C-alpha atoms as a PDB file:
ATOM      1  CA  MET A   1       4.215-103.983  28.565  1.00  0.00           C
ATOM      2  CA  ARG A   2       2.937-102.431  31.811  1.00  0.00           C
ATOM      3  CA  LEU A   3       6.338-102.913  33.411  1.00  0.00           C
ATOM      4  CA  PHE A   4       8.013-101.146  30.484  1.00  0.00           C
ATOM      5  CA  VAL A   5       5.608 -98.163  30.709  1.00  0.00           C
ATOM      6  CA  ARG A   6       6.020 -97.965  34.490  1.00  0.00           C
ATOM      7  CA  LEU A   7       9.846 -98.027  34.243  1.00  0.00           C
ATOM      8  CA  SER A   8       9.752 -95.411  31.470  1.00  0.00           C
ATOM      9  CA  LEU A   9       7.610 -93.082  33.595  1.00  0.00           C
ATOM     10  CA  ILE A  10       9.872 -93.558  36.628  1.00  0.00           C
ATOM     11  CA  GLY A  11      12.902 -92.816  34.439  1.00  0.00           C
ATOM     12  CA  LEU A  12      11.252 -89.690  33.031  1.00  0.00           C
ATOM     13  CA  VAL A  13      10.383 -88.391  36.508  1.00  0.00           C
ATOM     14  CA  ALA A  14      13.959 -89.081  37.646  1.00  0.00           C
ATOM     15  CA  LEU A  15      15.377 -87.148  34.670  1.00  0.00           C
ATOM     16  CA  VAL A  16      13.137 -84.157  35.393  1.00  0.00           C
ATOM     17  CA  ALA A  17      14.169 -84.212  39.068  1.00  0.00           C
ATOM     18  CA  ILE A  18      17.862 -84.408  38.168  1.00  0.00           C
ATOM     19  CA  GLY A  19      17.488 -81.563  35.659  1.00  0.00           C
ATOM     20  CA  PHE A  20      15.743 -79.404  38.252  1.00  0.00           C
ATOM     21  CA  ALA A  21      18.437 -80.113  40.857  1.00  0.00           C
ATOM     22  CA  VAL A  22      21.291 -79.325  38.453  1.00  0.00           C
ATOM     23  CA  ASN A  23      19.571 -76.125  37.317  1.00  0.00           C
ATOM     24  CA  THR A  24      19.068 -75.007  40.925  1.00  0.00           C
ATOM     25  CA  ILE A  25      22.694 -75.661  41.830  1.00  0.00           C
ATOM     26  CA  LEU A  26      24.107 -73.919  38.748  1.00  0.00           C
ATOM     27  CA  GLN A  27      21.825 -70.897  39.081  1.00  0.00           C
ATOM     28  CA  ALA A  28      21.928 -70.363  42.824  1.00  0.00           C
ATOM     29  CA  ASP A  29      22.487 -66.617  42.264  1.00  0.00           C
ATOM     30  CA  GLY A  30      19.726 -66.358  39.646  1.00  0.00           C
ATOM     31  CA  SER A  31      22.093 -66.088  36.705  1.00  0.00           C
ATOM     32  CA  THR A  32      23.321 -68.363  33.968  1.00  0.00           C
ATOM     33  CA  PRO A  33      26.829 -69.672  34.677  1.00  0.00           C
ATOM     34  CA  GLY A  34      29.485 -67.461  33.077  1.00  0.00           C
ATOM     35  CA  THR A  35      27.257 -64.380  32.731  1.00  0.00           C
ATOM     36  CA  LYS A  36      26.919 -61.236  34.792  1.00  0.00           C
ATOM     37  CA  GLN A  37      23.572 -60.746  36.523  1.00  0.00           C
ATOM     38  CA  ILE A  38      21.983 -57.382  35.647  1.00  0.00           C
ATOM     39  CA  ASP A  39      20.343 -55.501  38.494  1.00  0.00           C
ATOM     40  CA  ALA A  40      16.797 -54.235  38.176  1.00  0.00           C
ATOM     41  CA  VAL A  41      16.182 -50.972  36.328  1.00  0.00           C
ATOM     42  CA  THR A  42      16.032 -47.993  38.701  1.00  0.00           C
ATOM     43  CA  PHE A  43      15.672 -44.246  38.339  1.00  0.00           C
ATOM     44  CA  VAL A  44      16.384 -41.136  40.380  1.00  0.00           C
ATOM     45  CA  ASP A  45      15.298 -37.550  39.854  1.00  0.00           C
ATOM     46  CA  GLY A  46      17.933 -35.456  38.105  1.00  0.00           C
ATOM     47  CA  THR A  47      20.362 -36.262  35.328  1.00  0.00           C
ATOM     48  CA  CYS A  48      23.050 -38.918  35.589  1.00  0.00           C
ATOM     49  CA  SER A  49      26.396 -38.055  37.085  1.00  0.00           C
ATOM     50  CA  GLN A  50      27.673 -41.557  36.382  1.00  0.00           C
ATOM     51  CA  ASP A  51      26.284 -44.820  34.936  1.00  0.00           C
ATOM     52  CA  GLY A  52      22.797 -44.533  33.459  1.00  0.00           C
ATOM     53  CA  VAL A  53      20.776 -42.813  30.739  1.00  0.00           C
ATOM     54  CA  SER A  54      19.762 -39.184  31.353  1.00  0.00           C
ATOM     55  CA  LEU A  55      16.231 -38.293  30.287  1.00  0.00           C
ATOM     56  CA  THR A  56      14.779 -34.779  30.030  1.00  0.00           C
ATOM     57  CA  ILE A  57      11.155 -33.900  29.318  1.00  0.00           C
ATOM     58  CA  ASP A  58      10.543 -30.233  28.387  1.00  0.00           C
ATOM     59  CA  PHE A  59       6.878 -29.279  28.045  1.00  0.00           C
ATOM     60  CA  GLY A  60       7.660 -26.334  25.793  1.00  0.00           C
ATOM     61  CA  THR A  61       8.039 -22.591  25.771  1.00  0.00           C
ATOM     62  CA  ARG A  62       4.383 -21.794  26.431  1.00  0.00           C
ATOM     63  CA  GLU A  63       3.754 -23.990  29.443  1.00  0.00           C
ATOM     64  CA  ASP A  64       4.362 -23.463  33.146  1.00  0.00           C
ATOM     65  CA  ILE A  65       4.892 -27.197  33.637  1.00  0.00           C
ATOM     66  CA  PRO A  66       8.370 -27.770  35.089  1.00  0.00           C
ATOM     67  CA  SER A  67      10.767 -29.919  33.081  1.00  0.00           C
ATOM     68  CA  ILE A  68      11.410 -33.450  34.296  1.00  0.00           C
ATOM     69  CA  ASP A  69      14.940 -34.886  34.578  1.00  0.00           C
ATOM     70  CA  ARG A  70      15.538 -38.542  35.400  1.00  0.00           C
ATOM     71  CA  CYS A  71      18.568 -40.827  35.504  1.00  0.00           C
ATOM     72  CA  VAL A  72      17.640 -44.403  34.583  1.00  0.00           C
ATOM     73  CA  SER A  73      20.208 -47.040  35.577  1.00  0.00           C
ATOM     74  CA  ASN A  74      20.690 -50.664  34.484  1.00  0.00           C
ATOM     75  CA  PHE A  75      18.705 -49.951  31.333  1.00  0.00           C
ATOM     76  CA  THR A  76      19.001 -52.003  28.119  1.00  0.00           C
ATOM     77  CA  LYS A  77      15.714 -51.585  26.234  1.00  0.00           C
ATOM     78  CA  THR A  78      14.199 -49.022  23.828  1.00  0.00           C
ATOM     79  CA  SER A  79      13.594 -45.313  24.281  1.00  0.00           C
ATOM     80  CA  TRP A  80       9.862 -46.020  24.620  1.00  0.00           C
ATOM     81  CA  ASP A  81      10.702 -48.343  27.522  1.00  0.00           C
ATOM     82  CA  LEU A  82      13.004 -45.652  28.952  1.00  0.00           C
ATOM     83  CA  LEU A  83      10.030 -43.316  29.383  1.00  0.00           C
ATOM     84  CA  ILE A  84       8.093 -46.071  31.157  1.00  0.00           C
ATOM     85  CA  SER A  85      11.107 -47.068  33.306  1.00  0.00           C
ATOM     86  CA  ALA A  86      11.357 -43.421  34.417  1.00  0.00           C
ATOM     87  CA  GLN A  87       7.746 -43.787  35.603  1.00  0.00           C
ATOM     88  CA  LEU A  88       6.352 -41.386  33.033  1.00  0.00           C
ATOM     89  CA  SER A  89       3.092 -42.074  31.270  1.00  0.00           C
ATOM     90  CA  VAL A  90       3.498 -42.183  27.512  1.00  0.00           C
ATOM     91  CA  THR A  91       0.735 -42.439  24.933  1.00  0.00           C
ATOM     92  CA  GLY A  92       1.225 -43.333  21.319  1.00  0.00           C
ATOM     93  CA  THR A  93      -1.247 -42.768  18.551  1.00  0.00           C
ATOM     94  CA  GLN A  94      -4.029 -45.164  17.711  1.00  0.00           C
ATOM     95  CA  LYS A  95      -2.297 -45.804  14.387  1.00  0.00           C
ATOM     96  CA  TYR A  96       1.202 -46.165  15.937  1.00  0.00           C
ATOM     97  CA  PRO A  97       0.634 -47.239  19.580  1.00  0.00           C
ATOM     98  CA  VAL A  98       4.317 -47.558  20.554  1.00  0.00           C
ATOM     99  CA  GLY A  99       6.029 -45.953  17.591  1.00  0.00           C
ATOM    100  CA  PHE A 100       4.951 -42.327  17.746  1.00  0.00           C
ATOM    101  CA  VAL A 101       4.948 -40.396  21.038  1.00  0.00           C
ATOM    102  CA  CYS A 102       1.786 -38.308  21.167  1.00  0.00           C
ATOM    103  CA  ARG A 103       1.437 -37.536  24.869  1.00  0.00           C
ATOM    104  CA  ILE A 104       3.825 -37.570  27.851  1.00  0.00           C
ATOM    105  CA  ASN A 105       2.392 -37.353  31.366  1.00  0.00           C
ATOM    106  CA  GLY A 106      -0.970 -36.320  29.936  1.00  0.00           C
ATOM    107  CA  PHE A 107       0.438 -33.475  27.802  1.00  0.00           C
ATOM    108  CA  PRO A 108      -0.991 -32.271  25.510  1.00  0.00           C
ATOM    109  CA  ASP A 109      -4.431 -32.799  27.010  1.00  0.00           C
ATOM    110  CA  GLU A 110      -6.894 -35.158  25.306  1.00  0.00           C
ATOM    111  CA  SER A 111      -9.229 -32.231  24.598  1.00  0.00           C
ATOM    112  CA  VAL A 112      -6.439 -30.641  22.533  1.00  0.00           C
ATOM    113  CA  GLU A 113      -4.904 -33.745  20.901  1.00  0.00           C
ATOM    114  CA  SER A 114      -6.884 -36.937  20.291  1.00  0.00           C
ATOM    115  CA  CYS A 115      -3.820 -39.084  19.410  1.00  0.00           C
ATOM    116  CA  MET A 116      -5.829 -40.890  16.733  1.00  0.00           C
ATOM    117  CA  ASP A 117      -3.096 -40.389  14.113  1.00  0.00           C
ATOM    118  CA  THR A 118       0.132 -38.386  13.986  1.00  0.00           C
ATOM    119  CA  PRO A 119      -0.287 -35.201  16.036  1.00  0.00           C
ATOM    120  CA  ASN A 120      -2.347 -32.357  14.637  1.00  0.00           C
ATOM    121  CA  SER A 121      -0.031 -29.745  13.090  1.00  0.00           C
ATOM    122  CA  ARG A 122      -2.166 -26.956  14.612  1.00  0.00           C
ATOM    123  CA  VAL A 123      -1.433 -28.307  18.117  1.00  0.00           C
ATOM    124  CA  GLY A 124       2.278 -29.132  17.987  1.00  0.00           C
ATOM    125  CA  SER A 125       4.214 -32.306  18.708  1.00  0.00           C
ATOM    126  CA  TRP A 126       7.056 -33.830  20.650  1.00  0.00           C
ATOM    127  CA  ALA A 127      10.558 -33.454  19.196  1.00  0.00           C
ATOM    128  CA  TYR A 128      13.069 -36.151  20.127  1.00  0.00           C
ATOM    129  CA  PHE A 129      16.803 -35.526  20.663  1.00  0.00           C
ATOM    130  CA  VAL A 130      19.704 -37.806  21.560  1.00  0.00           C
ATOM    131  CA  ALA A 131      23.304 -37.350  22.674  1.00  0.00           C
ATOM    132  CA  GLY A 132      25.802 -40.206  22.722  1.00  0.00           C
ATOM    133  CA  SER A 133      27.909 -41.230  25.697  1.00  0.00           C
ATOM    134  CA  GLY A 134      30.470 -38.515  26.431  1.00  0.00           C
ATOM    135  CA  SER A 135      28.968 -36.148  23.821  1.00  0.00           C
ATOM    136  CA  GLY A 136      28.311 -32.514  24.600  1.00  0.00           C
ATOM    137  CA  SER A 137      25.754 -31.842  21.888  1.00  0.00           C
ATOM    138  CA  TRP A 138      22.216 -32.847  20.965  1.00  0.00           C
ATOM    139  CA  GLN A 139      21.217 -34.419  17.682  1.00  0.00           C
ATOM    140  CA  TYR A 140      17.647 -34.403  16.354  1.00  0.00           C
ATOM    141  CA  SER A 141      16.671 -38.059  16.329  1.00  0.00           C
ATOM    142  CA  SER A 142      15.784 -39.803  13.109  1.00  0.00           C
ATOM    143  CA  TRP A 143      14.742 -42.884  15.125  1.00  0.00           C
ATOM    144  CA  GLY A 144      11.380 -43.626  16.628  1.00  0.00           C
ATOM    145  CA  ALA A 145      11.110 -44.249  20.347  1.00  0.00           C
ATOM    146  CA  SER A 146      10.456 -47.951  19.885  1.00  0.00           C
ATOM    147  CA  SER A 147      13.360 -48.516  17.483  1.00  0.00           C
ATOM    148  CA  HIS A 148      16.178 -46.715  19.323  1.00  0.00           C
ATOM    149  CA  LYS A 149      18.148 -48.314  22.170  1.00  0.00           C
ATOM    150  CA  PRO A 150      19.980 -45.709  24.271  1.00  0.00           C
ATOM    151  CA  ALA A 151      23.395 -46.745  25.550  1.00  0.00           C
ATOM    152  CA  CYS A 152      24.642 -46.253  29.076  1.00  0.00           C
ATOM    153  CA  GLY A 153      26.042 -42.733  29.427  1.00  0.00           C
ATOM    154  CA  SER A 154      23.806 -41.255  26.734  1.00  0.00           C
ATOM    155  CA  ALA A 155      21.101 -38.622  27.123  1.00  0.00           C
ATOM    156  CA  GLU A 156      17.656 -38.179  25.603  1.00  0.00           C
ATOM    157  CA  ALA A 157      15.354 -35.176  25.506  1.00  0.00           C
ATOM    158  CA  TRP A 158      11.727 -34.838  24.514  1.00  0.00           C
ATOM    159  CA  VAL A 159      10.720 -31.219  23.851  1.00  0.00           C
ATOM    160  CA  PHE A 160       7.202 -30.135  22.968  1.00  0.00           C
ATOM    161  CA  ARG A 161       7.264 -27.861  19.920  1.00  0.00           C
ATOM    162  CA  TYR A 162       4.379 -25.627  18.891  1.00  0.00           C
ATOM    163  CA  PRO A 163       3.360 -25.245  15.214  1.00  0.00           C
ATOM    164  CA  ASP A 164       5.364 -22.027  14.710  1.00  0.00           C
ATOM    165  CA  GLU A 165       8.530 -23.590  16.201  1.00  0.00           C
ATOM    166  CA  ASN A 166      11.084 -25.650  14.281  1.00  0.00           C
ATOM    167  CA  LEU A 167      11.019 -29.276  15.444  1.00  0.00           C
ATOM    168  CA  GLU A 168      14.782 -29.566  14.971  1.00  0.00           C
ATOM    169  CA  THR A 169      15.736 -26.550  17.122  1.00  0.00           C
ATOM    170  CA  LEU A 170      18.056 -28.028  19.735  1.00  0.00           C
ATOM    171  CA  PRO A 171      17.057 -28.026  23.419  1.00  0.00           C
ATOM    172  CA  THR A 172      18.286 -25.028  25.398  1.00  0.00           C
ATOM    173  CA  ILE A 173      19.945 -27.208  28.045  1.00  0.00           C
ATOM    174  CA  ASP A 174      23.158 -29.118  27.444  1.00  0.00           C
ATOM    175  CA  PRO A 175      22.910 -32.931  27.425  1.00  0.00           C
ATOM    176  CA  GLN A 176      24.118 -34.588  30.625  1.00  0.00           C
ATOM    177  CA  THR A 177      26.138 -37.519  29.318  1.00  0.00           C
ATOM    178  CA  SER A 178      28.851 -39.612  30.921  1.00  0.00           C
ATOM    179  CA  VAL A 179      31.207 -42.466  30.158  1.00  0.00           C
ATOM    180  CA  CYS A 180      29.977 -45.619  31.887  1.00  0.00           C
ATOM    181  CA  SER A 181      32.223 -47.792  34.013  1.00  0.00           C
ATOM    182  CA  ASN A 182      31.086 -51.107  32.495  1.00  0.00           C
END
């Protein structure tokens, strides 16, 4: 019986070693055979002139905070993740932590908006716009940031709207979209 257990353990160790060796050989470049390896997500300041997702943050008509434009490349996740990949801080509400954008880069300030629930209508809120790859026009988004996946070449804009402003009024800048090479 001991001999059987010992041989079984030796066989098991040998199988694990063989599996590890085969896996190392087949994935020498870090990818699964037959698939393309995706580079790490990167961003640059400015909108995309080629492959990537353009992102614009406009702090609204009553603020002296300059708009932010970023081009995020090699991106395949949600719009919420896009904000994070562009190294922006994003805060949801306590009720909807990653579903409702309440604050971007600390705006509006915590003393003005608590982010406990959907934003206070007396303060204003973020309006979300999208433009598809190759499109020249914005569309008010009916998606939430955590349920929309922007495609390469598309553009997204977050514009802060005050209570007396229409949330669906399109951004004043044209979307910077492209047609991706892949």
